[in-house]
């Protein structure tokens, strides 16, 4: 194998490793933000009754499902994460 081929394969392996590390870090950041959002929604649900409480508990479950998917390494649409975080900031809006 020539030096050029070896260098190219090494560079490709490094790029792949860096991309995996970045994706893992981003997934962890999203999971942390979602966990905080879940705590916020859970806290609100604890002080609410009736239909509003049920909507909050449903939202909490949606957030938990996103966290579970991220932890399992499943692909999660970033728009779903953004929507969940936004809804947790404005719980009256959903």
C-alpha atoms as a PDB file:
ATOM      1  CA  UNK A   1       0.000   0.000   0.000  1.00  0.00           C
ATOM      2  CA  UNK A   2       1.357   3.392  -0.870  1.00  0.00           C
ATOM      3  CA  UNK A   3       1.836   6.269   1.500  1.00  0.00           C
ATOM      4  CA  UNK A   4      -0.919   8.248  -0.244  1.00  0.00           C
ATOM      5  CA  UNK A   5      -3.459   5.451   0.188  1.00  0.00           C
ATOM      6  CA  UNK A   6      -2.487   4.954   3.812  1.00  0.00           C
ATOM      7  CA  UNK A   7      -2.778   8.680   4.489  1.00  0.00           C
ATOM      8  CA  UNK A   8      -6.155   8.862   2.783  1.00  0.00           C
ATOM      9  CA  UNK A   9      -7.523   5.917   4.768  1.00  0.00           C
ATOM     10  CA  UNK A  10      -6.178   7.363   8.018  1.00  0.00           C
ATOM     11  CA  UNK A  11      -7.750  10.744   7.282  1.00  0.00           C
ATOM     12  CA  UNK A  12     -11.095   9.124   6.456  1.00  0.00           C
ATOM     13  CA  UNK A  13     -11.013   7.137   9.699  1.00  0.00           C
ATOM     14  CA  UNK A  14     -10.257  10.291  11.699  1.00  0.00           C
ATOM     15  CA  UNK A  15     -13.088  12.212  10.047  1.00  0.00           C
ATOM     16  CA  UNK A  16     -15.495   9.366  10.825  1.00  0.00           C
ATOM     17  CA  UNK A  17     -14.372   9.218  14.454  1.00  0.00           C
ATOM     18  CA  UNK A  18     -14.738  12.981  14.870  1.00  0.00           C
ATOM     19  CA  UNK A  19     -18.226  12.912  13.336  1.00  0.00           C
ATOM     20  CA  UNK A  20     -19.286  10.136  15.704  1.00  0.00           C
ATOM     21  CA  UNK A  21     -17.902  12.024  18.700  1.00  0.00           C
ATOM     22  CA  UNK A  22     -19.694  15.219  17.663  1.00  0.00           C
ATOM     23  CA  UNK A  23     -22.972  13.373  17.165  1.00  0.00           C
ATOM     24  CA  UNK A  24     -22.655  11.715  20.570  1.00  0.00           C
ATOM     25  CA  UNK A  25     -21.939  15.055  22.247  1.00  0.00           C
ATOM     26  CA  UNK A  26     -24.873  16.721  20.525  1.00  0.00           C
ATOM     27  CA  UNK A  27     -27.161  13.834  21.484  1.00  0.00           C
ATOM     28  CA  UNK A  28     -26.074  14.189  25.102  1.00  0.00           C
ATOM     29  CA  UNK A  29     -26.736  17.937  25.035  1.00  0.00           C
ATOM     30  CA  UNK A  30     -30.201  17.375  23.570  1.00  0.00           C
ATOM     31  CA  UNK A  31     -30.957  14.690  26.167  1.00  0.00           C
ATOM     32  CA  UNK A  32     -29.945  17.045  28.979  1.00  0.00           C
ATOM     33  CA  UNK A  33     -32.122  19.856  27.646  1.00  0.00           C
ATOM     34  CA  UNK A  34     -35.025  17.454  27.233  1.00  0.00           C
ATOM     35  CA  UNK A  35     -34.562  16.105  30.771  1.00  0.00           C
ATOM     36  CA  UNK A  36     -34.761  19.656  32.101  1.00  0.00           C
ATOM     37  CA  UNK A  37     -37.895  20.280  30.018  1.00  0.00           C
ATOM     38  CA  UNK A  38     -39.421  17.060  31.347  1.00  0.00           C
ATOM     39  CA  UNK A  39     -38.799  18.165  34.938  1.00  0.00           C
ATOM     40  CA  UNK A  40     -40.401  21.544  34.191  1.00  0.00           C
ATOM     41  CA  UNK A  41     -43.503  19.934  32.649  1.00  0.00           C
ATOM     42  CA  UNK A  42     -43.735  17.417  35.504  1.00  0.00           C
ATOM     43  CA  UNK A  43     -43.581  20.221  38.054  1.00  0.00           C
ATOM     44  CA  UNK A  44     -46.380  22.065  36.298  1.00  0.00           C
ATOM     45  CA  UNK A  45     -48.462  18.883  36.053  1.00  0.00           C
ATOM     46  CA  UNK A  46     -48.124  18.393  39.813  1.00  0.00           C
ATOM     47  CA  UNK A  47     -49.781  21.763  40.440  1.00  0.00           C
ATOM     48  CA  UNK A  48     -52.529  21.401  37.834  1.00  0.00           C
ATOM     49  CA  UNK A  49     -55.764  19.431  37.686  1.00  0.00           C
ATOM     50  CA  UNK A  50     -58.130  18.061  35.081  1.00  0.00           C
ATOM     51  CA  UNK A  51     -57.598  18.272  31.347  1.00  0.00           C
ATOM     52  CA  UNK A  52     -54.650  20.636  31.644  1.00  0.00           C
ATOM     53  CA  UNK A  53     -52.857  18.150  33.859  1.00  0.00           C
ATOM     54  CA  UNK A  54     -53.521  15.345  31.402  1.00  0.00           C
ATOM     55  CA  UNK A  55     -52.076  17.401  28.535  1.00  0.00           C
ATOM     56  CA  UNK A  56     -48.974  18.119  30.619  1.00  0.00           C
ATOM     57  CA  UNK A  57     -48.560  14.442  31.487  1.00  0.00           C
ATOM     58  CA  UNK A  58     -48.916  13.521  27.824  1.00  0.00           C
ATOM     59  CA  UNK A  59     -46.258  16.078  26.927  1.00  0.00           C
ATOM     60  CA  UNK A  60     -44.013  14.664  29.641  1.00  0.00           C
ATOM     61  CA  UNK A  61     -44.385  11.225  28.043  1.00  0.00           C
ATOM     62  CA  UNK A  62     -43.551  12.610  24.590  1.00  0.00           C
ATOM     63  CA  UNK A  63     -40.395  14.183  25.996  1.00  0.00           C
ATOM     64  CA  UNK A  64     -39.436  10.942  27.735  1.00  0.00           C
ATOM     65  CA  UNK A  65     -39.875   9.052  24.460  1.00  0.00           C
ATOM     66  CA  UNK A  66     -37.473  11.478  22.745  1.00  0.00           C
ATOM     67  CA  UNK A  67     -34.940  10.996  25.555  1.00  0.00           C
ATOM     68  CA  UNK A  68     -35.292   7.210  25.305  1.00  0.00           C
ATOM     69  CA  UNK A  69     -34.745   7.335  21.544  1.00  0.00           C
ATOM     70  CA  UNK A  70     -31.643   9.509  21.933  1.00  0.00           C
ATOM     71  CA  UNK A  71     -30.254   7.219  24.643  1.00  0.00           C
ATOM     72  CA  UNK A  72     -30.860   4.206  22.407  1.00  0.00           C
ATOM     73  CA  UNK A  73     -29.022   5.878  19.523  1.00  0.00           C
ATOM     74  CA  UNK A  74     -32.136   6.061  17.374  1.00  0.00           C
ATOM     75  CA  UNK A  75     -32.442   8.938  14.912  1.00  0.00           C
ATOM     76  CA  UNK A  76     -34.516  11.806  16.286  1.00  0.00           C
ATOM     77  CA  UNK A  77     -35.718  14.696  14.163  1.00  0.00           C
ATOM     78  CA  UNK A  78     -34.178  17.910  15.551  1.00  0.00           C
ATOM     79  CA  UNK A  79     -37.475  19.672  14.813  1.00  0.00           C
ATOM     80  CA  UNK A  80     -39.208  17.296  17.262  1.00  0.00           C
ATOM     81  CA  UNK A  81     -36.680  18.240  19.932  1.00  0.00           C
ATOM     82  CA  UNK A  82     -37.131  21.946  19.221  1.00  0.00           C
ATOM     83  CA  UNK A  83     -40.925  21.637  19.409  1.00  0.00           C
ATOM     84  CA  UNK A  84     -40.759  19.734  22.706  1.00  0.00           C
ATOM     85  CA  UNK A  85     -38.435  22.316  24.224  1.00  0.00           C
ATOM     86  CA  UNK A  86     -40.609  25.161  22.993  1.00  0.00           C
ATOM     87  CA  UNK A  87     -43.792  23.555  24.337  1.00  0.00           C
ATOM     88  CA  UNK A  88     -42.156  23.047  27.735  1.00  0.00           C
ATOM     89  CA  UNK A  89     -41.408  26.786  27.853  1.00  0.00           C
ATOM     90  CA  UNK A  90     -45.012  27.675  26.955  1.00  0.00           C
ATOM     91  CA  UNK A  91     -47.156  24.890  28.428  1.00  0.00           C
ATOM     92  CA  UNK A  92     -50.393  26.742  27.786  1.00  0.00           C
ATOM     93  CA  UNK A  93     -49.715  26.655  24.075  1.00  0.00           C
ATOM     94  CA  UNK A  94     -50.293  22.930  23.518  1.00  0.00           C
END
